[in-house]
Protein backbone atom coordinates (compact mmCIF):
# COMPACT_ATOMS: atom_id res chain seq x y z
CA UNK A 1 -63.56 183.96 -83.72
CA UNK A 2 -62.46 183.74 -80.20
CA UNK A 3 -65.10 182.15 -77.80
CA UNK A 4 -64.67 182.80 -74.10
CA UNK A 5 -65.31 179.73 -72.19
CA UNK A 6 -65.81 179.30 -68.21
CA UNK A 7 -65.44 176.26 -66.51
CA UNK A 8 -65.33 176.40 -62.58
CA UNK A 9 -62.94 178.91 -61.69
CA UNK A 10 -60.95 178.69 -65.23
CA UNK A 11 -61.90 180.89 -68.01
CA UNK A 12 -60.04 180.64 -71.30
CA UNK A 13 -60.30 181.65 -75.07
CA UNK A 14 -61.15 178.87 -77.67
CA UNK A 15 -60.53 179.42 -81.31
CA UNK A 16 -63.72 178.69 -83.26
CA UNK A 17 -63.59 178.59 -87.14
CA UNK A 18 -66.20 179.88 -89.21
CA UNK A 19 -67.17 177.07 -92.13
CA UNK A 20 -69.45 178.69 -94.85
CA UNK A 21 -71.04 181.06 -92.35
CA UNK A 22 -71.43 178.43 -89.74
CA UNK A 23 -70.05 177.89 -86.34
CA UNK A 24 -69.64 174.09 -86.01
CA UNK A 25 -70.82 173.18 -82.64
CA UNK A 26 -69.06 169.55 -82.69
CA UNK A 27 -65.69 170.92 -83.42
CA UNK A 28 -66.17 173.56 -80.81
CA UNK A 29 -67.01 171.15 -78.16
CA UNK A 30 -63.91 168.84 -78.93
CA UNK A 31 -61.57 171.79 -78.20
CA UNK A 32 -63.45 172.76 -75.10
CA UNK A 33 -62.58 169.15 -73.84
CA UNK A 34 -59.07 169.77 -74.96
CA UNK A 35 -58.56 173.12 -73.54
CA UNK A 36 -59.95 171.98 -70.11
CA UNK A 37 -58.72 168.66 -69.96
CA UNK A 38 -62.31 167.23 -69.56
CA UNK A 39 -62.55 163.40 -69.69
CA UNK A 40 -64.02 162.90 -73.47
CA UNK A 41 -66.84 160.82 -71.80
CA UNK A 42 -67.70 163.62 -69.33
CA UNK A 43 -71.51 164.87 -69.63
CA UNK A 44 -71.50 168.60 -70.29
CA UNK A 45 -73.94 170.89 -71.39
CA UNK A 46 -73.99 174.49 -72.37
CA UNK A 47 -76.66 176.96 -71.13
CA UNK A 48 -77.75 180.72 -71.45
CA UNK A 49 -79.26 183.19 -69.22
CA UNK A 50 -82.78 181.68 -69.72
CA UNK A 51 -81.71 178.12 -68.53
CA UNK A 52 -82.09 176.94 -72.18
CA UNK A 53 -79.80 174.52 -73.11
CA UNK A 54 -77.56 175.66 -75.98
CA UNK A 55 -77.18 172.39 -78.28
CA UNK A 56 -75.64 172.15 -81.86
CA UNK A 57 -79.01 172.97 -83.58
CA UNK A 58 -78.98 176.72 -82.26
CA UNK A 59 -75.00 177.22 -81.41
CA UNK A 60 -74.16 178.99 -84.63
CA UNK A 61 -77.09 181.28 -84.53
CA UNK A 62 -76.61 182.18 -80.95
CA UNK A 63 -72.94 182.92 -81.32
CA UNK A 64 -73.65 185.10 -84.40
CA UNK A 65 -76.05 187.10 -82.55
CA UNK A 66 -73.30 189.49 -81.19
CA UNK A 67 -74.74 189.93 -78.01
CA UNK A 68 -74.77 187.12 -75.51
CA UNK A 69 -76.02 186.84 -71.86
CA UNK A 70 -74.91 183.71 -69.81
CA UNK A 71 -75.04 182.31 -66.58
CA UNK A 72 -73.27 179.58 -64.73
CA UNK A 73 -75.69 176.70 -63.16
CA UNK A 74 -74.63 174.59 -60.37
CA UNK A 75 -76.64 172.54 -58.51
CA UNK A 76 -79.75 174.00 -60.22
CA UNK A 77 -78.98 177.34 -58.91
CA UNK A 78 -77.47 180.50 -60.25
CA UNK A 79 -73.77 180.89 -58.99
CA UNK A 80 -72.81 183.70 -61.23
CA UNK A 81 -74.04 185.72 -64.18
CA UNK A 82 -72.45 187.95 -66.61
CA UNK A 83 -72.81 189.35 -70.16
CA UNK A 84 -70.29 189.50 -72.91
CA UNK A 85 -70.56 191.49 -76.23
CA UNK A 86 -68.81 190.54 -79.12
CA UNK A 87 -66.39 193.20 -80.35
CA UNK A 88 -64.18 193.55 -83.27
CA UNK A 89 -60.28 193.45 -82.46
CA UNK A 90 -57.56 195.08 -84.68
CA UNK A 91 -57.35 191.78 -86.14
CA UNK A 92 -60.74 191.33 -86.69
CA UNK A 93 -61.35 188.61 -84.07
CA UNK A 94 -64.63 188.54 -81.95
CA UNK A 95 -65.39 186.84 -78.66
CA UNK A 96 -68.54 185.55 -76.90
CA UNK A 97 -69.02 183.61 -73.63
CA UNK A 98 -70.39 180.14 -73.31
CA UNK A 99 -70.83 178.42 -69.90
CA UNK A 100 -70.16 174.67 -69.10
CA UNK A 101 -72.54 172.99 -66.56
CA UNK A 102 -72.02 169.56 -65.24
CA UNK A 103 -75.21 169.10 -63.62
CA UNK A 104 -77.37 166.48 -65.48
CA UNK A 105 -80.89 167.40 -65.69
CA UNK A 106 -83.42 164.56 -66.19
CA UNK A 107 -83.13 164.15 -69.92
CA UNK A 108 -79.41 163.49 -69.35
CA UNK A 109 -79.81 161.17 -66.41
CA UNK A 110 -82.26 159.11 -68.87
CA UNK A 111 -79.54 159.08 -71.62
CA UNK A 112 -76.70 158.26 -69.27
CA UNK A 113 -78.72 155.21 -67.79
CA UNK A 114 -79.55 154.24 -71.70
CA UNK A 115 -75.82 154.50 -72.64
CA UNK A 116 -74.58 152.39 -69.55
CA UNK A 117 -77.10 149.72 -70.60
CA UNK A 118 -75.81 149.63 -74.03
CA UNK A 119 -72.66 149.15 -72.61
CA UNK A 120 -73.78 146.42 -70.42
CA UNK A 121 -75.47 144.90 -73.14
CA UNK A 122 -72.41 144.46 -75.57
CA UNK A 123 -70.05 143.42 -72.54
CA UNK A 124 -72.45 140.81 -71.70
CA UNK A 125 -72.48 139.28 -75.09
CA UNK A 126 -68.56 139.56 -75.50
CA UNK A 127 -68.41 137.45 -72.30
CA UNK A 128 -70.88 135.18 -73.30
CA UNK A 129 -70.15 134.35 -76.81
CA UNK A 130 -67.04 132.22 -78.10
CA UNK A 131 -64.42 134.61 -78.92
CA UNK A 132 -65.71 137.60 -77.11
CA UNK A 133 -63.44 137.55 -73.96
CA UNK A 134 -60.49 137.83 -76.52
CA UNK A 135 -61.87 140.75 -77.91
CA UNK A 136 -62.12 142.29 -74.19
CA UNK A 137 -58.64 141.23 -73.51
CA UNK A 138 -56.99 142.64 -76.46
CA UNK A 139 -58.45 145.97 -75.33
CA UNK A 140 -57.42 145.88 -72.08
CA UNK A 141 -53.93 145.36 -73.13
CA UNK A 142 -53.61 147.67 -75.89
CA UNK A 143 -56.57 149.94 -75.39
CA UNK A 144 -57.46 149.94 -79.20
CA UNK A 145 -58.64 146.75 -81.47
CA UNK A 146 -56.88 145.30 -84.59
CA UNK A 147 -59.06 145.12 -87.73
CA UNK A 148 -59.41 141.29 -87.24
CA UNK A 149 -60.58 141.59 -83.50
CA UNK A 150 -62.91 144.56 -84.65
CA UNK A 151 -64.54 142.36 -87.28
CA UNK A 152 -64.55 139.11 -84.90
CA UNK A 153 -66.60 141.54 -82.46
CA UNK A 154 -69.00 142.73 -85.32
CA UNK A 155 -69.79 139.10 -86.34
CA UNK A 156 -70.25 138.16 -82.51
CA UNK A 157 -72.66 141.19 -81.82
CA UNK A 158 -74.60 141.09 -85.25
CA UNK A 159 -75.23 137.19 -84.65
CA UNK A 160 -76.54 137.79 -81.08
CA UNK A 161 -78.65 140.67 -82.90
CA UNK A 162 -80.31 138.59 -85.26
CA UNK A 163 -80.85 135.72 -82.67
CA UNK A 164 -82.55 138.17 -80.39
CA UNK A 165 -84.39 140.54 -82.69
CA UNK A 166 -84.65 138.64 -85.89
CA UNK A 167 -83.07 139.21 -89.62
CA UNK A 168 -84.17 142.69 -89.76
CA UNK A 169 -83.37 144.26 -86.45
CA UNK A 170 -84.67 147.90 -85.95
CA UNK A 171 -82.61 151.00 -86.45
CA UNK A 172 -83.06 151.67 -82.87
CA UNK A 173 -81.55 148.15 -81.73
CA UNK A 174 -78.65 148.56 -84.42
CA UNK A 175 -78.02 152.14 -82.83
CA UNK A 176 -78.15 150.23 -79.28
CA UNK A 177 -75.14 147.95 -80.22
CA UNK A 178 -73.24 150.82 -81.82
CA UNK A 179 -73.48 153.06 -78.83
CA UNK A 180 -72.57 150.49 -76.54
CA UNK A 181 -69.14 149.58 -78.28
CA UNK A 182 -67.99 152.99 -77.89
CA UNK A 183 -69.18 152.97 -74.37
CA UNK A 184 -67.38 149.96 -73.83
CA UNK A 185 -64.44 150.66 -75.93
CA UNK A 186 -63.94 154.73 -75.41
CA UNK A 187 -61.00 154.83 -77.79
CA UNK A 188 -63.15 153.61 -80.64
CA UNK A 189 -65.39 156.63 -80.94
CA UNK A 190 -65.12 158.99 -83.60
CA UNK A 191 -64.79 162.47 -81.82
CA UNK A 192 -65.51 164.31 -85.31
CA UNK A 193 -68.76 162.82 -85.62
CA UNK A 194 -72.15 163.68 -84.00
CA UNK A 195 -72.71 160.74 -81.97
CA UNK A 196 -69.59 159.05 -82.01
CA UNK A 197 -70.58 155.49 -83.09
CA UNK A 198 -71.54 156.36 -86.62
CA UNK A 199 -68.71 154.21 -88.37
CA UNK A 200 -70.42 151.35 -86.45
CA UNK A 201 -73.94 152.21 -87.36
CA UNK A 202 -75.16 155.33 -89.05
CA UNK A 203 -79.01 155.19 -88.98
CA UNK A 204 -79.40 158.34 -91.40
CA UNK A 205 -77.56 156.16 -94.36
CA UNK A 206 -77.78 152.88 -93.08
CA UNK A 207 -74.21 152.25 -93.29
CA UNK A 208 -71.28 151.19 -90.95
CA UNK A 209 -69.92 148.19 -89.74
CA UNK A 210 -73.01 146.69 -88.23
CA UNK A 211 -74.90 147.64 -91.52
CA UNK A 212 -72.39 146.00 -93.71
CA UNK A 213 -72.15 142.87 -91.64
CA UNK A 214 -75.99 142.38 -91.58
CA UNK A 215 -76.15 142.75 -95.60
CA UNK A 216 -73.38 140.08 -96.02
CA UNK A 217 -75.64 137.65 -93.62
CA UNK A 218 -78.81 138.48 -95.64
CA UNK A 219 -76.83 138.01 -99.04
CA UNK A 220 -75.71 134.43 -97.60
CA UNK A 221 -79.28 133.47 -96.66
CA UNK A 222 -80.97 134.82 -99.96
CA UNK A 223 -78.11 133.64 -102.13
CA UNK A 224 -78.55 136.84 -103.73
CA UNK A 225 -76.64 139.97 -104.56
CA UNK A 226 -76.74 143.05 -102.93
CA UNK A 227 -74.62 145.98 -104.10
CA UNK A 228 -72.13 147.54 -101.77
CA UNK A 229 -72.69 151.23 -100.92
CA UNK A 230 -70.63 153.62 -103.00
CA UNK A 231 -68.08 155.65 -101.10
CA UNK A 232 -68.77 158.31 -103.53
CA UNK A 233 -72.63 158.59 -102.96
CA UNK A 234 -74.09 160.33 -100.21
CA UNK A 235 -73.85 163.74 -98.38
CA UNK A 236 -72.54 166.88 -100.50
CA UNK A 237 -69.07 167.97 -99.66
CA UNK A 238 -65.32 167.46 -101.37
CA UNK A 239 -63.68 169.17 -104.19
CA UNK A 240 -66.48 169.38 -106.24
CA UNK A 241 -69.04 171.11 -103.86
CA UNK A 242 -70.17 174.50 -104.57
CA UNK A 243 -68.66 177.19 -102.48
CA UNK A 244 -69.19 180.85 -102.18
CA UNK A 245 -66.18 182.98 -103.17
CA UNK A 246 -65.43 186.61 -102.08
CA UNK A 247 -65.98 188.94 -104.92
CA UNK A 248 -63.81 191.81 -103.41
CA UNK A 249 -60.98 192.69 -105.85
CA UNK A 250 -62.32 190.62 -108.57
CA UNK A 251 -62.22 191.71 -111.99
CA UNK A 252 -65.04 190.82 -114.63
CA UNK A 253 -66.23 191.64 -118.16
CA UNK A 254 -63.69 193.66 -120.22
CA UNK A 255 -61.53 194.36 -117.23
CA UNK A 256 -61.30 190.32 -116.71
CA UNK A 257 -60.46 189.89 -120.25
CA UNK A 258 -57.28 192.23 -120.32
CA UNK A 259 -56.08 190.83 -117.25
CA UNK A 260 -56.55 187.11 -118.83
CA UNK A 261 -54.54 188.74 -122.09
CA UNK A 262 -51.81 190.43 -119.91
CA UNK A 263 -51.21 187.08 -117.78
CA UNK A 264 -50.14 185.23 -121.36
CA UNK A 265 -47.45 187.96 -122.21
CA UNK A 266 -46.12 189.08 -118.76
CA UNK A 267 -42.98 187.65 -117.33
CA UNK A 268 -43.41 189.80 -114.22
CA UNK A 269 -43.79 187.24 -111.58
CA UNK A 270 -45.57 189.87 -109.04
CA UNK A 271 -47.91 190.70 -111.89
CA UNK A 272 -48.79 187.22 -112.58
CA UNK A 273 -49.75 186.56 -108.90
CA UNK A 274 -51.44 189.77 -108.77
CA UNK A 275 -53.53 189.32 -112.09
CA UNK A 276 -54.41 185.70 -111.06
CA UNK A 277 -55.80 186.75 -107.97
CA UNK A 278 -57.91 189.19 -109.50
CA UNK A 279 -59.33 186.52 -111.90
CA UNK A 280 -59.64 183.79 -109.54
CA UNK A 281 -63.60 184.36 -109.44
CA UNK A 282 -63.74 184.08 -113.02
CA UNK A 283 -61.53 180.99 -113.18
CA UNK A 284 -63.54 179.29 -110.56
CA UNK A 285 -66.80 179.69 -112.51
CA UNK A 286 -64.75 178.30 -115.57
CA UNK A 287 -63.43 174.81 -113.67
CA UNK A 288 -67.42 174.47 -112.38
CA UNK A 289 -68.42 174.27 -116.22
CA UNK A 290 -67.96 170.90 -117.98
CA UNK A 291 -67.67 172.77 -121.21
CA UNK A 292 -64.85 175.04 -120.16
CA UNK A 293 -62.99 173.27 -117.54
CA UNK A 294 -61.26 171.18 -119.77
CA UNK A 295 -59.38 173.91 -121.28
CA UNK A 296 -58.57 175.58 -117.98
CA UNK A 297 -54.82 174.93 -118.56
CA UNK A 298 -54.74 176.56 -121.83
CA UNK A 299 -57.13 179.50 -120.54
CA UNK A 300 -54.70 180.01 -117.85
CA UNK A 301 -51.00 178.53 -118.86
CA UNK A 302 -49.45 180.26 -115.94
CA UNK A 303 -50.24 177.23 -113.94
CA UNK A 304 -47.53 175.35 -116.20
CA UNK A 305 -44.60 177.54 -115.54
CA UNK A 306 -45.23 179.55 -112.35
CA UNK A 307 -44.82 177.67 -108.75
CA UNK A 308 -47.24 178.75 -106.09
CA UNK A 309 -50.25 179.43 -108.20
CA UNK A 310 -52.30 176.02 -106.74
CA UNK A 311 -51.46 177.34 -103.33
CA UNK A 312 -52.71 180.89 -104.03
CA UNK A 313 -56.16 179.91 -105.46
CA UNK A 314 -56.66 177.15 -102.69
CA UNK A 315 -56.07 179.72 -99.95
CA UNK A 316 -58.39 182.41 -101.84
CA UNK A 317 -61.06 179.61 -102.00
CA UNK A 318 -60.59 178.78 -98.11
CA UNK A 319 -58.28 180.61 -95.88
CA UNK A 320 -54.60 180.78 -94.63
CA UNK A 321 -55.29 178.45 -91.75
CA UNK A 322 -57.04 175.90 -93.62
CA UNK A 323 -54.17 175.73 -96.71
CA UNK A 324 -51.40 175.30 -93.46
CA UNK A 325 -53.03 172.52 -91.73
CA UNK A 326 -51.64 169.45 -93.31
CA UNK A 327 -48.14 170.84 -93.05
CA UNK A 328 -48.58 171.83 -89.36
CA UNK A 329 -50.34 168.48 -88.21
CA UNK A 330 -48.51 165.85 -90.14
CA UNK A 331 -45.28 165.39 -88.72
CA UNK A 332 -46.03 166.70 -85.06
CA UNK A 333 -48.84 164.34 -84.83
CA UNK A 334 -50.28 162.00 -87.31
CA UNK A 335 -47.12 160.59 -88.86
CA UNK A 336 -45.94 158.99 -85.68
CA UNK A 337 -49.31 157.31 -85.28
CA UNK A 338 -50.02 156.40 -88.63
CA UNK A 339 -46.59 154.36 -88.31
CA UNK A 340 -47.90 152.74 -85.23
CA UNK A 341 -50.98 151.82 -86.78
CA UNK A 342 -49.65 150.54 -89.85
CA UNK A 343 -47.35 148.19 -87.90
CA UNK A 344 -50.52 146.42 -86.92
CA UNK A 345 -51.19 145.39 -90.24
CA UNK A 346 -50.31 142.27 -92.15
CA UNK A 347 -46.74 142.40 -92.88
CA UNK A 348 -45.82 142.45 -96.92
CA UNK A 349 -42.76 143.29 -98.58
CA UNK A 350 -43.89 146.74 -99.83
CA UNK A 351 -45.33 147.62 -96.05
CA UNK A 352 -42.05 146.58 -94.58
CA UNK A 353 -40.05 148.73 -97.10
CA UNK A 354 -42.32 151.89 -96.38
CA UNK A 355 -41.93 151.22 -92.61
CA UNK A 356 -38.30 151.28 -92.80
CA UNK A 357 -38.16 154.38 -94.66
CA UNK A 358 -40.53 155.98 -92.62
CA UNK A 359 -39.02 155.28 -89.41
CA UNK A 360 -35.32 156.10 -90.45
CA UNK A 361 -33.61 158.93 -88.73
CA UNK A 362 -34.04 162.40 -90.80
CA UNK A 363 -31.08 162.87 -93.02
CA UNK A 364 -29.71 159.45 -92.81
CA UNK A 365 -28.56 157.43 -95.90
CA UNK A 366 -29.97 154.34 -97.41
CA UNK A 367 -28.38 151.70 -99.26
CA UNK A 368 -28.74 153.13 -102.87
CA UNK A 369 -29.72 149.83 -104.28
CA UNK A 370 -32.98 150.02 -102.19
CA UNK A 371 -35.79 151.82 -103.96
CA UNK A 372 -37.23 153.93 -101.01
CA UNK A 373 -38.90 157.07 -100.71
CA UNK A 374 -38.22 159.52 -98.24
CA UNK A 375 -39.51 159.61 -94.80
CA UNK A 376 -42.25 161.89 -95.28
CA UNK A 377 -43.54 160.42 -98.39
CA UNK A 378 -43.50 156.98 -97.05
CA UNK A 379 -45.45 157.72 -93.94
CA UNK A 380 -48.05 159.13 -96.45
CA UNK A 381 -48.22 156.10 -98.24
CA UNK A 382 -48.62 154.13 -95.09
CA UNK A 383 -52.05 155.70 -94.70
CA UNK A 384 -53.20 154.30 -98.10
CA UNK A 385 -52.40 151.20 -96.62
CA UNK A 386 -54.34 151.80 -93.52
CA UNK A 387 -57.17 153.08 -96.16
CA UNK A 388 -56.90 150.84 -99.04
CA UNK A 389 -59.32 151.02 -102.00
CA UNK A 390 -63.02 149.94 -101.39
CA UNK A 391 -64.57 146.85 -102.84
CA UNK A 392 -64.74 146.63 -106.22
CA UNK A 393 -67.72 145.73 -108.71
CA UNK A 394 -68.25 143.89 -111.99
CA UNK A 395 -67.29 147.16 -113.90
CA UNK A 396 -64.30 148.25 -111.47
CA UNK A 397 -62.39 145.16 -109.99
CA UNK A 398 -60.88 145.81 -106.56
CA UNK A 399 -57.09 146.86 -106.92
CA UNK A 400 -54.76 146.49 -103.76
CA UNK A 401 -53.20 149.18 -101.67
CA UNK A 402 -49.75 148.82 -103.76
CA UNK A 403 -51.69 149.71 -106.75
CA UNK A 404 -53.42 152.55 -105.49
CA UNK A 405 -49.98 153.91 -104.30
CA UNK A 406 -49.28 153.86 -107.93
CA UNK A 407 -52.12 156.37 -108.58
CA UNK A 408 -50.94 158.66 -106.13
CA UNK A 409 -47.18 159.04 -106.92
CA UNK A 410 -45.19 157.74 -109.85
CA UNK A 411 -41.18 157.98 -109.61
CA UNK A 412 -39.60 159.17 -112.78
CA UNK A 413 -35.60 159.13 -113.28
CA UNK A 414 -34.53 162.58 -114.07
CA UNK A 415 -32.20 160.93 -116.93
CA UNK A 416 -35.48 159.97 -118.79
CA UNK A 417 -38.01 162.09 -121.07
CA UNK A 418 -40.88 163.75 -119.52
CA UNK A 419 -42.40 164.47 -122.45
CA UNK A 420 -42.67 160.55 -123.12
CA UNK A 421 -44.05 160.06 -119.83
CA UNK A 422 -46.72 162.62 -120.67
CA UNK A 423 -47.49 160.87 -124.07
CA UNK A 424 -48.02 157.33 -122.51
CA UNK A 425 -49.86 158.58 -119.85
CA UNK A 426 -53.77 157.53 -119.87
CA UNK A 427 -54.96 158.55 -116.18
CA UNK A 428 -57.89 160.54 -115.53
CA UNK A 429 -56.97 162.08 -112.14
CA UNK A 430 -54.30 163.91 -111.01
CA UNK A 431 -51.21 162.38 -109.30
CA UNK A 432 -47.50 163.28 -108.12
CA UNK A 433 -44.80 162.97 -110.46
CA UNK A 434 -41.41 162.72 -108.50
CA UNK A 435 -38.33 163.35 -110.57
CA UNK A 436 -34.81 162.37 -109.34
CA UNK A 437 -31.94 160.31 -109.53
CA UNK A 438 -33.42 157.96 -106.88
CA UNK A 439 -36.69 157.62 -104.73
CA UNK A 440 -35.05 158.87 -101.50
CA UNK A 441 -33.43 162.04 -103.51
CA UNK A 442 -36.15 163.79 -105.36
CA UNK A 443 -35.28 166.89 -107.33
CA UNK A 444 -38.49 168.15 -108.18
CA UNK A 445 -42.04 167.32 -108.18
CA UNK A 446 -45.15 167.71 -110.63
CA UNK A 447 -48.84 167.74 -110.35
CA UNK A 448 -49.81 165.58 -113.46
CA UNK A 449 -52.94 166.62 -114.96
CA UNK A 450 -54.37 165.90 -118.49
CA UNK A 451 -50.89 165.33 -120.07
CA UNK A 452 -49.67 168.65 -118.48
CA UNK A 453 -47.10 169.00 -115.70
CA UNK A 454 -48.14 171.77 -113.28
CA UNK A 455 -44.60 172.35 -111.14
CA UNK A 456 -44.94 172.48 -107.52
CA UNK A 457 -43.46 175.09 -105.27
CA UNK A 458 -42.50 172.95 -102.42
CA UNK A 459 -39.30 170.79 -102.79
CA UNK A 460 -40.02 168.22 -99.84
CA UNK A 461 -42.37 165.33 -100.41
CA UNK A 462 -45.23 166.77 -97.85
CA UNK A 463 -45.51 169.99 -99.32
CA UNK A 464 -45.71 168.60 -102.89
CA UNK A 465 -48.59 166.32 -101.87
CA UNK A 466 -50.33 169.18 -99.90
CA UNK A 467 -50.12 170.84 -103.46
CA UNK A 468 -51.44 167.68 -105.10
CA UNK A 469 -54.45 167.61 -102.55
CA UNK A 470 -55.29 171.22 -103.07
CA UNK A 471 -55.41 170.93 -106.73
CA UNK A 472 -58.53 168.76 -106.64
CA UNK A 473 -60.34 171.81 -104.92
CA UNK A 474 -58.45 174.39 -107.42
CA UNK A 475 -59.67 172.58 -110.63
CA UNK A 476 -62.64 170.92 -109.33
CA UNK A 477 -61.47 167.51 -109.81
CA UNK A 478 -63.02 164.30 -107.96
CA UNK A 479 -61.01 161.90 -106.02
CA UNK A 480 -59.73 158.72 -107.87
CA UNK A 481 -62.02 156.09 -106.50
CA UNK A 482 -59.16 154.02 -105.60
CA UNK A 483 -57.85 156.66 -103.11
CA UNK A 484 -61.39 158.00 -102.03
CA UNK A 485 -60.87 157.07 -98.43
CA UNK A 486 -57.43 158.33 -98.42
CA UNK A 487 -58.31 161.59 -99.65
CA UNK A 488 -61.37 161.85 -97.60
CA UNK A 489 -59.51 161.17 -94.30
CA UNK A 490 -56.92 163.96 -94.88
CA UNK A 491 -59.97 166.38 -96.05
CA UNK A 492 -62.01 166.01 -92.99
CA UNK A 493 -59.47 164.69 -90.26
CA UNK A 494 -56.27 167.35 -91.03
CA UNK A 495 -57.83 169.99 -93.35
CA UNK A 496 -61.02 169.97 -91.25
CA UNK A 497 -62.83 171.07 -94.60
CA UNK A 498 -66.90 169.74 -94.97
CA UNK A 499 -66.65 168.14 -91.59
CA UNK A 500 -70.30 166.48 -90.88
CA UNK A 501 -71.01 167.21 -94.50
CA UNK A 502 -68.65 164.71 -96.46
CA UNK A 503 -69.66 161.10 -96.95
CA UNK A 504 -66.97 158.82 -94.90
CA UNK A 505 -66.74 155.10 -94.79
CA UNK A 506 -66.55 153.57 -91.45
CA UNK A 507 -62.85 152.60 -91.95
CA UNK A 508 -62.34 156.50 -92.31
CA UNK A 509 -64.02 157.17 -88.95
CA UNK A 510 -62.83 154.16 -87.13
CA UNK A 511 -58.88 155.25 -88.20
CA UNK A 512 -59.83 158.78 -86.95
CA UNK A 513 -61.11 157.27 -83.63
CA UNK A 514 -57.80 155.24 -83.11
CA UNK A 515 -55.54 158.26 -84.15
CA UNK A 516 -57.13 160.96 -82.13
CA UNK A 517 -57.87 158.83 -79.03
CA UNK A 518 -54.31 158.25 -78.50
CA UNK A 519 -53.48 161.50 -77.45
CA UNK A 520 -55.29 164.65 -76.17
CA UNK A 521 -52.78 166.88 -78.31
CA UNK A 522 -55.49 167.57 -81.13
CA UNK A 523 -54.53 170.96 -83.16
């Protein structure tokens, strides 16, 4: 949908996605700030003609009404009014109008005063406590904080919190410190979350850096053991989430059985794609049924010999725009910023090799004695190092980022037997098998799933990984526990799937805040 937005004398269209029948207010607000070059911390409100504030709770319903009358408010008076009716264009788009009002009401002034006091609190603590001045100086010099400095800051603030408010500070106190952090350090704010500071403290789930530090302190005091929050628990979302599918053009009953029979015998590629489209809804029911999902590749064997079917099913599950987001966004924005962030990590031999490969000019040759992936794959693997596996437990010991990389992609020399590799494979989660003479010159990619090889349509690393990510949704597969932060970051931040629904670790939100606040060009 196209939403017409008026700000002062400017009037522009902002594209608004409908996600599961809802219009996301916070993504819309983010795009408005980008389109009109409004400072991220500016106080803006949205009002209708009755002077009623339009907030996240009613935004989707209001936009969906189809006939919205809105007015501009300046200095508490009308300066203009107009109405706009939503109308379908030839492309199926519709438009409504939302007005931005910068005049703060009494409630806003109170919130602003509270936010400023929270900012002053955090600043005063850091100036007063040992090590705090170094935190302020680093941010002033770099406009961000390294992981080590961020941990130091949290330790200082939590120690002060306990000193002033006891070992069990209230949620309000914890939120006050979290708000103060993003007010004092704006580039640490997460633009995709509701309040922007949930990675420091989320009252709803009692997670975040502040909550984790408090638990660590309590464990040391009690000499007990508090189990860490599981990254797989929490809000609904992700590959295994139930999603509505469009039944238009879908076959059922005997017609569906006939199409499936034809799929097993025809060699006509156009017929294969057509019948796979027509049986998509039936296939989604099968993959969500534990009893039949294990046989999905034998029920629909064309996945094993026809490239592009994973891409087609993912697009039918979502849409073309969602399907294309990784390929559109990675090289132009995320790859250079991921490389920049990775340079701040503690240097290791593996990390240095990945940085060397990720930064080399496109098309340049490397010493064939060096085992390096190409530029695209290397930059993706750097993201694994930025979002390493979560802490382990008694039954699942922590693994390193290098071990996690091996769960994402495996290099296989083209002269070796693929069948032998499959027979030796004991992995439960899908991964990418890169086949070629050397890592920098891959001839073909496969998604390895249940001792089967699904050929990738793409011959580029980024495109092949795009298909691997989509296979989780197409086949209803959970993420590998060691890669859950990595996949969740891509799901919400690049593909914009289940934004606000998916459980995200503070590290995921923290990295997103760092990357997105480095530039205003958010596409």
